[in-house]
C-alpha atoms as a PDB file:
ATOM      1  CA  MET A   1     -34.732 -51.742  10.319  1.00  0.00           C
ATOM      2  CA  THR A   2     -38.441 -52.503  10.002  1.00  0.00           C
ATOM      3  CA  ARG A   3     -39.991 -50.760   7.013  1.00  0.00           C
ATOM      4  CA  ILE A   4     -43.631 -49.726   7.406  1.00  0.00           C
ATOM      5  CA  LEU A   5     -45.702 -48.550   4.448  1.00  0.00           C
ATOM      6  CA  ILE A   6     -48.886 -46.631   5.266  1.00  0.00           C
ATOM      7  CA  ALA A   7     -51.249 -45.983   2.356  1.00  0.00           C
ATOM      8  CA  THR A   8     -53.675 -43.127   2.968  1.00  0.00           C
ATOM      9  CA  ASP A   9     -55.944 -40.827   0.991  1.00  0.00           C
ATOM     10  CA  ALA A  10     -55.904 -38.372   3.898  1.00  0.00           C
ATOM     11  CA  TRP A  11     -52.581 -36.623   4.325  1.00  0.00           C
ATOM     12  CA  GLU A  12     -51.001 -33.212   4.675  1.00  0.00           C
ATOM     13  CA  PRO A  13     -51.895 -30.440   3.925  1.00  0.00           C
ATOM     14  CA  GLN A  14     -55.369 -31.699   4.878  1.00  0.00           C
ATOM     15  CA  VAL A  15     -56.310 -30.880   8.470  1.00  0.00           C
ATOM     16  CA  ASN A  16     -58.395 -33.613  10.080  1.00  0.00           C
ATOM     17  CA  GLY A  17     -58.274 -36.354  12.669  1.00  0.00           C
ATOM     18  CA  VAL A  18     -56.995 -39.002  10.261  1.00  0.00           C
ATOM     19  CA  VAL A  19     -54.015 -36.871   9.263  1.00  0.00           C
ATOM     20  CA  ARG A  20     -53.288 -35.974  12.868  1.00  0.00           C
ATOM     21  CA  THR A  21     -53.439 -39.628  13.895  1.00  0.00           C
ATOM     22  CA  LEU A  22     -51.158 -40.862  11.122  1.00  0.00           C
ATOM     23  CA  SER A  23     -48.618 -38.040  11.426  1.00  0.00           C
ATOM     24  CA  SER A  24     -48.379 -38.520  15.204  1.00  0.00           C
ATOM     25  CA  LEU A  25     -48.115 -42.292  14.748  1.00  0.00           C
ATOM     26  CA  ALA A  26     -45.367 -41.922  12.126  1.00  0.00           C
ATOM     27  CA  GLN A  27     -43.412 -39.590  14.403  1.00  0.00           C
ATOM     28  CA  GLU A  28     -43.665 -42.049  17.288  1.00  0.00           C
ATOM     29  CA  LEU A  29     -42.681 -45.020  15.098  1.00  0.00           C
ATOM     30  CA  ARG A  30     -39.662 -43.215  13.665  1.00  0.00           C
ATOM     31  CA  GLY A  31     -38.614 -42.345  17.190  1.00  0.00           C
ATOM     32  CA  ARG A  32     -38.559 -46.088  17.882  1.00  0.00           C
ATOM     33  CA  GLY A  33     -36.279 -46.787  14.948  1.00  0.00           C
ATOM     34  CA  ARG A  34     -38.825 -47.819  12.315  1.00  0.00           C
ATOM     35  CA  ASP A  35     -38.631 -46.555   8.759  1.00  0.00           C
ATOM     36  CA  VAL A  36     -42.042 -45.201   7.745  1.00  0.00           C
ATOM     37  CA  ARG A  37     -43.135 -44.480   4.173  1.00  0.00           C
ATOM     38  CA  ILE A  38     -46.405 -42.586   3.786  1.00  0.00           C
ATOM     39  CA  VAL A  39     -48.029 -43.119   0.393  1.00  0.00           C
ATOM     40  CA  GLY A  40     -50.446 -40.221  -0.031  1.00  0.00           C
ATOM     41  CA  PRO A  41     -52.082 -38.004  -2.647  1.00  0.00           C
ATOM     42  CA  SER A  42     -48.828 -36.162  -3.404  1.00  0.00           C
ATOM     43  CA  ASP A  43     -47.447 -39.393  -4.910  1.00  0.00           C
ATOM     44  CA  PHE A  44     -49.991 -39.238  -7.747  1.00  0.00           C
ATOM     45  CA  ARG A  45     -51.830 -36.925 -10.062  1.00  0.00           C
ATOM     46  CA  THR A  46     -54.924 -35.641  -8.296  1.00  0.00           C
ATOM     47  CA  VAL A  47     -58.324 -34.144  -9.024  1.00  0.00           C
ATOM     48  CA  ALA A  48     -60.496 -32.004  -6.778  1.00  0.00           C
ATOM     49  CA  CYS A  49     -63.089 -33.840  -4.713  1.00  0.00           C
ATOM     50  CA  PRO A  50     -66.505 -32.898  -6.192  1.00  0.00           C
ATOM     51  CA  THR A  51     -68.049 -31.757  -2.903  1.00  0.00           C
ATOM     52  CA  TYR A  52     -64.830 -30.577  -1.195  1.00  0.00           C
ATOM     53  CA  PRO A  53     -62.581 -29.016  -3.865  1.00  0.00           C
ATOM     54  CA  GLU A  54     -59.844 -28.295  -1.316  1.00  0.00           C
ATOM     55  CA  ILE A  55     -59.425 -32.059  -0.875  1.00  0.00           C
ATOM     56  CA  ARG A  56     -57.483 -33.741  -3.679  1.00  0.00           C
ATOM     57  CA  LEU A  57     -58.334 -37.280  -4.780  1.00  0.00           C
ATOM     58  CA  ALA A  58     -55.448 -39.348  -6.092  1.00  0.00           C
ATOM     59  CA  LEU A  59     -55.594 -41.011  -9.489  1.00  0.00           C
ATOM     60  CA  ALA A  60     -53.982 -44.096  -8.003  1.00  0.00           C
ATOM     61  CA  SER A  61     -53.826 -47.550  -9.570  1.00  0.00           C
ATOM     62  CA  ALA A  62     -52.877 -50.981  -8.315  1.00  0.00           C
ATOM     63  CA  ASP A  63     -49.970 -51.013 -10.770  1.00  0.00           C
ATOM     64  CA  ALA A  64     -48.615 -47.743  -9.366  1.00  0.00           C
ATOM     65  CA  LEU A  65     -48.960 -48.968  -5.786  1.00  0.00           C
ATOM     66  CA  GLY A  66     -47.358 -52.233  -6.816  1.00  0.00           C
ATOM     67  CA  ARG A  67     -44.292 -50.392  -8.094  1.00  0.00           C
ATOM     68  CA  ILE A  68     -44.043 -48.386  -4.869  1.00  0.00           C
ATOM     69  CA  ILE A  69     -44.323 -51.549  -2.784  1.00  0.00           C
ATOM     70  CA  ARG A  70     -41.781 -53.384  -4.940  1.00  0.00           C
ATOM     71  CA  ASP A  71     -39.281 -50.518  -4.694  1.00  0.00           C
ATOM     72  CA  TYR A  72     -39.731 -49.945  -0.963  1.00  0.00           C
ATOM     73  CA  GLN A  73     -40.074 -53.630   0.034  1.00  0.00           C
ATOM     74  CA  PRO A  74     -41.992 -52.956   3.257  1.00  0.00           C
ATOM     75  CA  ASP A  75     -42.096 -55.390   6.131  1.00  0.00           C
ATOM     76  CA  VAL A  76     -45.526 -54.040   7.085  1.00  0.00           C
ATOM     77  CA  ILE A  77     -48.353 -52.715   4.896  1.00  0.00           C
ATOM     78  CA  HIS A  78     -51.107 -50.699   6.545  1.00  0.00           C
ATOM     79  CA  ILE A  79     -54.049 -49.305   4.568  1.00  0.00           C
ATOM     80  CA  ALA A  80     -55.557 -46.383   6.453  1.00  0.00           C
ATOM     81  CA  THR A  81     -58.416 -45.264   4.205  1.00  0.00           C
ATOM     82  CA  GLU A  82     -61.003 -46.670   1.825  1.00  0.00           C
ATOM     83  CA  GLY A  83     -60.385 -44.106  -0.945  1.00  0.00           C
ATOM     84  CA  PRO A  84     -58.582 -44.465  -4.293  1.00  0.00           C
ATOM     85  CA  ILE A  85     -55.169 -44.993  -2.676  1.00  0.00           C
ATOM     86  CA  GLY A  86     -56.587 -47.464  -0.185  1.00  0.00           C
ATOM     87  CA  TYR A  87     -58.313 -49.513  -2.869  1.00  0.00           C
ATOM     88  CA  ALA A  88     -55.215 -49.480  -5.076  1.00  0.00           C
ATOM     89  CA  ALA A  89     -52.996 -50.616  -2.194  1.00  0.00           C
ATOM     90  CA  ARG A  90     -55.484 -53.335  -1.292  1.00  0.00           C
ATOM     91  CA  ARG A  91     -55.512 -54.683  -4.854  1.00  0.00           C
ATOM     92  CA  ALA A  92     -51.721 -54.537  -5.094  1.00  0.00           C
ATOM     93  CA  ALA A  93     -51.311 -56.465  -1.844  1.00  0.00           C
ATOM     94  CA  LEU A  94     -53.915 -59.081  -2.719  1.00  0.00           C
ATOM     95  CA  ARG A  95     -52.322 -59.757  -6.103  1.00  0.00           C
ATOM     96  CA  THR A  96     -49.295 -61.310  -4.449  1.00  0.00           C
ATOM     97  CA  GLY A  97     -50.763 -62.508  -1.181  1.00  0.00           C
ATOM     98  CA  ARG A  98     -49.030 -59.895   0.937  1.00  0.00           C
ATOM     99  CA  PRO A  99     -50.706 -59.557   4.341  1.00  0.00           C
ATOM    100  CA  PHE A 100     -51.890 -56.121   5.362  1.00  0.00           C
ATOM    101  CA  THR A 101     -53.811 -54.366   8.096  1.00  0.00           C
ATOM    102  CA  THR A 102     -56.440 -51.664   7.723  1.00  0.00           C
ATOM    103  CA  SER A 103     -57.998 -49.021   9.930  1.00  0.00           C
ATOM    104  CA  PHE A 104     -61.489 -47.568  10.167  1.00  0.00           C
ATOM    105  CA  HIS A 105     -61.473 -43.809  10.725  1.00  0.00           C
ATOM    106  CA  THR A 106     -64.636 -42.429   9.154  1.00  0.00           C
ATOM    107  CA  ARG A 107     -68.325 -43.299   9.393  1.00  0.00           C
ATOM    108  CA  PHE A 108     -68.924 -42.925   5.671  1.00  0.00           C
ATOM    109  CA  PRO A 109     -72.337 -44.644   5.823  1.00  0.00           C
ATOM    110  CA  GLU A 110     -73.662 -41.935   8.131  1.00  0.00           C
ATOM    111  CA  TYR A 111     -71.951 -39.180   6.117  1.00  0.00           C
ATOM    112  CA  LEU A 112     -73.424 -40.410   2.838  1.00  0.00           C
ATOM    113  CA  SER A 113     -76.916 -40.972   4.192  1.00  0.00           C
ATOM    114  CA  LYS A 114     -77.031 -37.322   5.230  1.00  0.00           C
ATOM    115  CA  ARG A 115     -76.126 -36.147   1.728  1.00  0.00           C
ATOM    116  CA  ALA A 116     -77.847 -38.692  -0.517  1.00  0.00           C
ATOM    117  CA  PRO A 117     -80.541 -41.409  -0.302  1.00  0.00           C
ATOM    118  CA  ILE A 118     -77.996 -44.194   0.197  1.00  0.00           C
ATOM    119  CA  PRO A 119     -78.928 -46.791   2.860  1.00  0.00           C
ATOM    120  CA  GLU A 120     -76.339 -47.119   5.617  1.00  0.00           C
ATOM    121  CA  ASN A 121     -76.558 -50.924   5.469  1.00  0.00           C
ATOM    122  CA  LEU A 122     -75.425 -50.889   1.838  1.00  0.00           C
ATOM    123  CA  THR A 123     -72.393 -48.713   2.539  1.00  0.00           C
ATOM    124  CA  TYR A 124     -71.449 -50.787   5.573  1.00  0.00           C
ATOM    125  CA  ALA A 125     -71.613 -53.917   3.404  1.00  0.00           C
ATOM    126  CA  LEU A 126     -69.202 -52.357   0.901  1.00  0.00           C
ATOM    127  CA  LEU A 127     -66.840 -51.310   3.681  1.00  0.00           C
ATOM    128  CA  ARG A 128     -67.031 -54.760   5.275  1.00  0.00           C
ATOM    129  CA  ARG A 129     -65.930 -56.252   1.968  1.00  0.00           C
ATOM    130  CA  PHE A 130     -63.040 -53.763   1.771  1.00  0.00           C
ATOM    131  CA  HIS A 131     -61.712 -54.647   5.230  1.00  0.00           C
ATOM    132  CA  ALA A 132     -62.443 -58.394   5.125  1.00  0.00           C
ATOM    133  CA  PRO A 133     -59.019 -59.526   3.757  1.00  0.00           C
ATOM    134  CA  ALA A 134     -57.094 -57.561   6.408  1.00  0.00           C
ATOM    135  CA  THR A 135     -55.337 -59.528   9.116  1.00  0.00           C
ATOM    136  CA  ALA A 136     -56.531 -56.835  11.525  1.00  0.00           C
ATOM    137  CA  CYS A 137     -58.874 -53.863  11.200  1.00  0.00           C
ATOM    138  CA  LEU A 138     -57.928 -51.176  13.709  1.00  0.00           C
ATOM    139  CA  VAL A 139     -60.841 -49.137  15.095  1.00  0.00           C
ATOM    140  CA  PRO A 140     -60.585 -46.093  17.373  1.00  0.00           C
ATOM    141  CA  THR A 141     -62.952 -46.998  20.211  1.00  0.00           C
ATOM    142  CA  GLU A 142     -64.605 -49.941  21.896  1.00  0.00           C
ATOM    143  CA  SER A 143     -68.082 -48.648  21.035  1.00  0.00           C
ATOM    144  CA  MET A 144     -67.074 -48.369  17.369  1.00  0.00           C
ATOM    145  CA  ARG A 145     -65.692 -51.913  17.543  1.00  0.00           C
ATOM    146  CA  ARG A 146     -69.064 -53.157  18.788  1.00  0.00           C
ATOM    147  CA  THR A 147     -70.887 -51.226  16.065  1.00  0.00           C
ATOM    148  CA  LEU A 148     -68.737 -52.711  13.305  1.00  0.00           C
ATOM    149  CA  ALA A 149     -68.968 -56.194  14.785  1.00  0.00           C
ATOM    150  CA  GLY A 150     -72.736 -55.821  14.573  1.00  0.00           C
ATOM    151  CA  PHE A 151     -72.362 -55.198  10.834  1.00  0.00           C
ATOM    152  CA  GLY A 152     -70.276 -58.356  10.421  1.00  0.00           C
ATOM    153  CA  PHE A 153     -66.763 -56.880  10.422  1.00  0.00           C
ATOM    154  CA  ALA A 154     -64.065 -59.292  11.630  1.00  0.00           C
ATOM    155  CA  ASN A 155     -60.539 -59.154  13.090  1.00  0.00           C
ATOM    156  CA  LEU A 156     -61.307 -55.885  14.899  1.00  0.00           C
ATOM    157  CA  VAL A 157     -58.696 -54.358  17.207  1.00  0.00           C
ATOM    158  CA  THR A 158     -59.392 -51.301  19.357  1.00  0.00           C
ATOM    159  CA  TRP A 159     -56.721 -48.702  18.592  1.00  0.00           C
ATOM    160  CA  THR A 160     -56.523 -45.721  20.914  1.00  0.00           C
ATOM    161  CA  ARG A 161     -55.489 -42.148  20.127  1.00  0.00           C
ATOM    162  CA  GLY A 162     -53.153 -39.727  21.865  1.00  0.00           C
ATOM    163  CA  VAL A 163     -52.414 -36.087  22.531  1.00  0.00           C
ATOM    164  CA  ASP A 164     -49.324 -33.874  22.400  1.00  0.00           C
ATOM    165  CA  ARG A 165     -49.014 -32.826  26.040  1.00  0.00           C
ATOM    166  CA  SER A 166     -46.227 -30.366  25.321  1.00  0.00           C
ATOM    167  CA  LEU A 167     -48.744 -28.393  23.264  1.00  0.00           C
ATOM    168  CA  PHE A 168     -52.115 -29.159  24.816  1.00  0.00           C
ATOM    169  CA  ARG A 169     -51.755 -28.457  28.516  1.00  0.00           C
ATOM    170  CA  PRO A 170     -53.429 -26.450  31.268  1.00  0.00           C
ATOM    171  CA  GLN A 171     -52.478 -22.786  31.163  1.00  0.00           C
ATOM    172  CA  PRO A 172     -53.837 -19.481  32.460  1.00  0.00           C
ATOM    173  CA  LYS A 173     -57.255 -18.575  31.085  1.00  0.00           C
ATOM    174  CA  VAL A 174     -56.983 -16.670  27.820  1.00  0.00           C
ATOM    175  CA  ASP A 175     -59.263 -13.634  27.519  1.00  0.00           C
ATOM    176  CA  LEU A 176     -60.726 -13.303  24.025  1.00  0.00           C
ATOM    177  CA  GLY A 177     -62.625 -10.178  24.988  1.00  0.00           C
ATOM    178  CA  LEU A 178     -65.928 -12.063  24.679  1.00  0.00           C
ATOM    179  CA  PRO A 179     -68.736 -12.368  27.232  1.00  0.00           C
ATOM    180  CA  GLY A 180     -68.401 -15.533  29.282  1.00  0.00           C
ATOM    181  CA  PRO A 181     -68.856 -18.375  29.622  1.00  0.00           C
ATOM    182  CA  VAL A 182     -67.127 -19.379  26.384  1.00  0.00           C
ATOM    183  CA  PHE A 183     -68.393 -22.483  24.575  1.00  0.00           C
ATOM    184  CA  LEU A 184     -65.836 -23.694  22.026  1.00  0.00           C
ATOM    185  CA  THR A 185     -65.917 -26.199  19.196  1.00  0.00           C
ATOM    186  CA  VAL A 186     -62.940 -27.148  17.003  1.00  0.00           C
ATOM    187  CA  SER A 187     -64.035 -28.796  13.795  1.00  0.00           C
ATOM    188  CA  ARG A 188     -64.045 -28.891  10.059  1.00  0.00           C
ATOM    189  CA  VAL A 189     -66.894 -26.548   9.114  1.00  0.00           C
ATOM    190  CA  ALA A 190     -68.837 -29.027   6.999  1.00  0.00           C
ATOM    191  CA  PRO A 191     -72.406 -30.402   6.964  1.00  0.00           C
ATOM    192  CA  GLU A 192     -71.556 -33.753   8.552  1.00  0.00           C
ATOM    193  CA  LYS A 193     -70.090 -32.063  11.633  1.00  0.00           C
ATOM    194  CA  ASN A 194     -73.532 -30.848  12.785  1.00  0.00           C
ATOM    195  CA  ILE A 195     -72.143 -27.472  13.875  1.00  0.00           C
ATOM    196  CA  GLU A 196     -75.444 -25.676  13.249  1.00  0.00           C
ATOM    197  CA  THR A 197     -77.041 -27.630  16.078  1.00  0.00           C
ATOM    198  CA  PHE A 198     -74.479 -26.132  18.464  1.00  0.00           C
ATOM    199  CA  LEU A 199     -74.876 -22.635  17.026  1.00  0.00           C
ATOM    200  CA  ASP A 200     -78.668 -22.798  17.430  1.00  0.00           C
ATOM    201  CA  LEU A 201     -78.457 -23.579  21.153  1.00  0.00           C
ATOM    202  CA  ASP A 202     -79.730 -20.989  23.612  1.00  0.00           C
ATOM    203  CA  LEU A 203     -76.634 -20.631  25.783  1.00  0.00           C
ATOM    204  CA  PRO A 204     -75.272 -17.836  27.954  1.00  0.00           C
ATOM    205  CA  GLY A 205     -72.012 -16.104  27.067  1.00  0.00           C
ATOM    206  CA  SER A 206     -70.316 -16.704  23.717  1.00  0.00           C
ATOM    207  CA  LYS A 207     -69.837 -19.399  21.107  1.00  0.00           C
ATOM    208  CA  VAL A 208     -66.468 -19.819  19.352  1.00  0.00           C
ATOM    209  CA  VAL A 209     -65.849 -21.966  16.264  1.00  0.00           C
ATOM    210  CA  VAL A 210     -62.286 -22.871  15.277  1.00  0.00           C
ATOM    211  CA  GLY A 211     -61.867 -24.470  11.868  1.00  0.00           C
ATOM    212  CA  ASP A 212     -62.332 -24.022   8.147  1.00  0.00           C
ATOM    213  CA  GLY A 213     -64.497 -25.727   5.582  1.00  0.00           C
ATOM    214  CA  PRO A 214     -67.108 -25.316   2.868  1.00  0.00           C
ATOM    215  CA  MET A 215     -69.839 -24.033   5.191  1.00  0.00           C
ATOM    216  CA  LEU A 216     -67.763 -21.308   6.857  1.00  0.00           C
ATOM    217  CA  PRO A 217     -68.899 -18.361   4.667  1.00  0.00           C
ATOM    218  CA  GLU A 218     -72.557 -19.345   5.014  1.00  0.00           C
ATOM    219  CA  LEU A 219     -72.394 -19.815   8.788  1.00  0.00           C
ATOM    220  CA  ARG A 220     -70.599 -16.509   9.237  1.00  0.00           C
ATOM    221  CA  ARG A 221     -73.513 -14.802   7.479  1.00  0.00           C
ATOM    222  CA  ARG A 222     -76.203 -16.683   9.364  1.00  0.00           C
ATOM    223  CA  TYR A 223     -74.664 -16.427  12.839  1.00  0.00           C
ATOM    224  CA  PRO A 224     -73.183 -12.929  13.200  1.00  0.00           C
ATOM    225  CA  ASP A 225     -72.989 -13.242  16.998  1.00  0.00           C
ATOM    226  CA  VAL A 226     -70.715 -16.296  16.827  1.00  0.00           C
ATOM    227  CA  HIS A 227     -66.944 -15.773  16.848  1.00  0.00           C
ATOM    228  CA  PHE A 228     -65.411 -17.703  13.924  1.00  0.00           C
ATOM    229  CA  ALA A 229     -61.641 -17.967  14.407  1.00  0.00           C
ATOM    230  CA  GLY A 230     -60.816 -19.886  11.216  1.00  0.00           C
ATOM    231  CA  SER A 231     -58.229 -22.651  11.090  1.00  0.00           C
ATOM    232  CA  GLN A 232     -55.760 -22.639  13.990  1.00  0.00           C
ATOM    233  CA  THR A 233     -52.828 -24.938  14.747  1.00  0.00           C
ATOM    234  CA  GLY A 234     -50.032 -25.269  17.289  1.00  0.00           C
ATOM    235  CA  GLU A 235     -49.865 -22.755  20.118  1.00  0.00           C
ATOM    236  CA  ALA A 236     -52.638 -20.668  18.559  1.00  0.00           C
ATOM    237  CA  LEU A 237     -54.992 -23.652  18.813  1.00  0.00           C
ATOM    238  CA  SER A 238     -53.839 -24.363  22.351  1.00  0.00           C
ATOM    239  CA  ARG A 239     -54.706 -20.777  23.298  1.00  0.00           C
ATOM    240  CA  CYS A 240     -58.197 -21.261  21.883  1.00  0.00           C
ATOM    241  CA  TYR A 241     -58.725 -24.203  24.214  1.00  0.00           C
ATOM    242  CA  ALA A 242     -57.370 -22.108  27.089  1.00  0.00           C
ATOM    243  CA  ALA A 243     -60.065 -19.508  26.407  1.00  0.00           C
ATOM    244  CA  ALA A 244     -62.904 -22.024  26.716  1.00  0.00           C
ATOM    245  CA  ASP A 245     -65.083 -22.903  29.678  1.00  0.00           C
ATOM    246  CA  VAL A 246     -66.686 -25.861  27.881  1.00  0.00           C
ATOM    247  CA  PHE A 247     -65.683 -27.755  24.748  1.00  0.00           C
ATOM    248  CA  VAL A 248     -68.728 -28.690  22.657  1.00  0.00           C
ATOM    249  CA  PHE A 249     -68.633 -31.671  20.288  1.00  0.00           C
ATOM    250  CA  PRO A 250     -71.879 -31.699  18.268  1.00  0.00           C
ATOM    251  CA  SER A 251     -70.883 -34.336  15.699  1.00  0.00           C
ATOM    252  CA  LEU A 252     -73.052 -37.415  15.311  1.00  0.00           C
ATOM    253  CA  THR A 253     -70.797 -39.176  12.795  1.00  0.00           C
ATOM    254  CA  ASP A 254     -67.198 -39.093  14.073  1.00  0.00           C
ATOM    255  CA  THR A 255     -65.477 -42.295  15.174  1.00  0.00           C
ATOM    256  CA  PHE A 256     -63.352 -40.692  17.904  1.00  0.00           C
ATOM    257  CA  GLY A 257     -62.718 -36.946  17.975  1.00  0.00           C
ATOM    258  CA  ILE A 258     -59.077 -36.230  18.838  1.00  0.00           C
ATOM    259  CA  VAL A 259     -60.171 -32.695  19.706  1.00  0.00           C
ATOM    260  CA  LEU A 260     -61.973 -34.175  22.710  1.00  0.00           C
ATOM    261  CA  ILE A 261     -58.757 -35.301  24.352  1.00  0.00           C
ATOM    262  CA  GLU A 262     -56.957 -32.122  23.302  1.00  0.00           C
ATOM    263  CA  ALA A 263     -59.611 -30.161  25.191  1.00  0.00           C
ATOM    264  CA  LEU A 264     -59.394 -32.467  28.207  1.00  0.00           C
ATOM    265  CA  ALA A 265     -55.590 -32.191  28.232  1.00  0.00           C
ATOM    266  CA  CYS A 266     -56.057 -28.415  28.468  1.00  0.00           C
ATOM    267  CA  GLY A 267     -58.384 -28.949  31.425  1.00  0.00           C
ATOM    268  CA  VAL A 268     -61.579 -28.112  29.528  1.00  0.00           C
ATOM    269  CA  PRO A 269     -64.682 -30.242  30.268  1.00  0.00           C
ATOM    270  CA  VAL A 270     -66.606 -31.504  27.244  1.00  0.00           C
ATOM    271  CA  ALA A 271     -70.261 -31.641  26.228  1.00  0.00           C
ATOM    272  CA  ALA A 272     -71.395 -34.051  23.527  1.00  0.00           C
ATOM    273  CA  TYR A 273     -74.049 -36.406  22.248  1.00  0.00           C
ATOM    274  CA  PRO A 274     -74.034 -40.094  23.301  1.00  0.00           C
ATOM    275  CA  GLU A 275     -72.177 -41.304  20.207  1.00  0.00           C
ATOM    276  CA  PRO A 276     -69.039 -43.420  19.592  1.00  0.00           C
ATOM    277  CA  GLY A 277     -66.064 -41.309  20.540  1.00  0.00           C
ATOM    278  CA  PRO A 278     -67.623 -39.068  23.199  1.00  0.00           C
ATOM    279  CA  LEU A 279     -69.126 -42.084  24.964  1.00  0.00           C
ATOM    280  CA  ASP A 280     -65.706 -43.735  25.137  1.00  0.00           C
ATOM    281  CA  VAL A 281     -63.728 -40.611  26.028  1.00  0.00           C
ATOM    282  CA  ALA A 282     -66.053 -38.853  28.465  1.00  0.00           C
ATOM    283  CA  GLY A 283     -68.959 -41.190  29.171  1.00  0.00           C
ATOM    284  CA  ASN A 284     -69.326 -42.240  32.815  1.00  0.00           C
ATOM    285  CA  THR A 285     -66.566 -39.857  33.880  1.00  0.00           C
ATOM    286  CA  LYS A 286     -66.363 -36.507  35.647  1.00  0.00           C
ATOM    287  CA  ALA A 287     -64.626 -35.044  32.594  1.00  0.00           C
ATOM    288  CA  GLY A 288     -67.699 -34.288  30.527  1.00  0.00           C
ATOM    289  CA  CYS A 289     -71.444 -34.401  30.136  1.00  0.00           C
ATOM    290  CA  ILE A 290     -72.984 -36.696  27.538  1.00  0.00           C
ATOM    291  CA  SER A 291     -76.646 -36.187  26.710  1.00  0.00           C
ATOM    292  CA  SER A 292     -79.084 -36.315  23.806  1.00  0.00           C
ATOM    293  CA  ASP A 293     -79.982 -32.772  24.940  1.00  0.00           C
ATOM    294  CA  LEU A 294     -76.818 -30.906  23.951  1.00  0.00           C
ATOM    295  CA  ARG A 295     -77.877 -27.677  25.658  1.00  0.00           C
ATOM    296  CA  GLU A 296     -78.358 -29.560  28.911  1.00  0.00           C
ATOM    297  CA  ALA A 297     -74.916 -31.139  28.497  1.00  0.00           C
ATOM    298  CA  CYS A 298     -73.292 -27.743  27.851  1.00  0.00           C
ATOM    299  CA  LEU A 299     -74.809 -26.155  30.952  1.00  0.00           C
ATOM    300  CA  ALA A 300     -73.984 -29.164  33.129  1.00  0.00           C
ATOM    301  CA  ALA A 301     -70.374 -29.189  31.900  1.00  0.00           C
ATOM    302  CA  LEU A 302     -69.944 -25.662  33.288  1.00  0.00           C
ATOM    303  CA  THR A 303     -70.095 -27.155  36.784  1.00  0.00           C
ATOM    304  CA  LEU A 304     -67.358 -29.749  36.253  1.00  0.00           C
ATOM    305  CA  ASP A 305     -63.887 -29.592  37.785  1.00  0.00           C
ATOM    306  CA  ARG A 306     -61.156 -28.835  35.248  1.00  0.00           C
ATOM    307  CA  ALA A 307     -58.774 -31.087  37.201  1.00  0.00           C
ATOM    308  CA  ASP A 308     -61.013 -34.071  36.421  1.00  0.00           C
ATOM    309  CA  ALA A 309     -60.869 -33.222  32.723  1.00  0.00           C
ATOM    310  CA  LEU A 310     -57.073 -33.173  32.816  1.00  0.00           C
ATOM    311  CA  GLU A 311     -56.941 -36.449  34.737  1.00  0.00           C
ATOM    312  CA  ARG A 312     -59.152 -38.189  32.181  1.00  0.00           C
ATOM    313  CA  SER A 313     -56.848 -37.109  29.344  1.00  0.00           C
ATOM    314  CA  LEU A 314     -53.981 -39.028  30.954  1.00  0.00           C
ATOM    315  CA  ALA A 315     -55.561 -42.282  29.741  1.00  0.00           C
ATOM    316  CA  TYR A 316     -54.513 -41.401  26.177  1.00  0.00           C
ATOM    317  CA  SER A 317     -51.052 -41.233  24.631  1.00  0.00           C
ATOM    318  CA  TRP A 318     -49.427 -41.600  21.234  1.00  0.00           C
ATOM    319  CA  GLN A 319     -47.065 -44.108  22.850  1.00  0.00           C
ATOM    320  CA  ALA A 320     -50.013 -46.411  23.586  1.00  0.00           C
ATOM    321  CA  CYS A 321     -51.350 -45.781  20.075  1.00  0.00           C
ATOM    322  CA  ALA A 322     -48.028 -46.913  18.587  1.00  0.00           C
ATOM    323  CA  ASP A 323     -47.853 -49.940  20.903  1.00  0.00           C
ATOM    324  CA  ILE A 324     -51.204 -51.233  19.633  1.00  0.00           C
ATOM    325  CA  PHE A 325     -50.296 -50.525  16.014  1.00  0.00           C
ATOM    326  CA  LEU A 326     -47.022 -52.436  16.295  1.00  0.00           C
ATOM    327  CA  SER A 327     -48.665 -55.332  18.101  1.00  0.00           C
ATOM    328  CA  ALA A 328     -51.231 -55.654  15.309  1.00  0.00           C
ATOM    329  CA  THR A 329     -48.794 -55.242  12.413  1.00  0.00           C
ATOM    330  CA  GLU A 330     -45.287 -56.417  13.177  1.00  0.00           C
ATOM    331  CA  ALA A 331     -46.362 -59.931  14.128  1.00  0.00           C
ATOM    332  CA  LEU A 332     -47.576 -60.245  10.538  1.00  0.00           C
ATOM    333  CA  GLN A 333     -44.496 -58.993   8.718  1.00  0.00           C
ATOM    334  CA  VAL A 334     -44.274 -60.088   5.112  1.00  0.00           C
ATOM    335  CA  GLN A 335     -41.324 -62.123   3.971  1.00  0.00           C
ATOM    336  CA  PRO A 336     -38.686 -60.038   2.176  1.00  0.00           C
ATOM    337  CA  GLU A 337     -38.376 -62.560  -0.642  1.00  0.00           C
ATOM    338  CA  LEU A 338     -41.974 -61.921  -1.719  1.00  0.00           C
ATOM    339  CA  GLN A 339     -41.917 -59.829  -4.862  1.00  0.00           C
ATOM    340  CA  LEU A 340     -44.686 -58.239  -6.848  1.00  0.00           C
ATOM    341  CA  ALA A 341     -45.163 -59.849 -10.206  1.00  0.00           C
ATOM    342  CA  GLY A 342     -44.967 -57.579 -13.211  1.00  0.00           C
END
């Protein structure tokens, strides 16, 4: 049985696109007979992230990752994040020449530049160095692949995302008791998600925000007319999509946006800025409206056919996601006789 080790700083109970991608991937891989070991924050002592105390940062070391790798003896090593666990796994693999793949999930340069005077070019250079030794760097969209290639990243492989169609599906319109039309966003309520831009739009009907995060108390105070539903998962989240007339994605810094295809799978057209992720998912389709004027996109999306949104979602599956992952990783399996020194 092929043993796959995935090292990630983002893991349950965190709720974000990275966790959803990796948990869905692991489920699909296990269903195909692979043994998957997730190395996450729970494997180490942790400290609260300074800006997001609900996120725990692992006190990981290359020695600790080396012991985990030596004990598990993986055939495949995949490093999913550039945090403490990712760096420790990278060092542990490089010490003994073990090949590994990486993935690029988060536009940290854009995130950081919004919070501190750190040039994006500098952060991209650091990330390029992190990913350079990987035999493949998996990126979520073609537009993101082009962006990274422009910054000198190599060995880039476009790695799609999927959606759970048993959960996210068309269903009868859910009445939230709010004036229509209903404009919905599902997001972590944090500065980098640009939610305030959506909330400031002059739109008819109602705005609904699903998600939790550090800005939630402040936004609740500042926008009393907005319906904040908090964090929702499973069928409760599916019902939120079913209540929406348009799904609004105001982020300027995401690399994909799994919520986009969840909305489409529920038959909800999307409105977004022309950024990586929305451009790939809904650009040049009848499933959404992409515009630098988000209000214009929201109003135009009201006129779209929900059947076209559903049809567009069919291009994405976790099966295809797993196929690409296996193609990029299993051809580079490490030899079982390789052992970590010390």
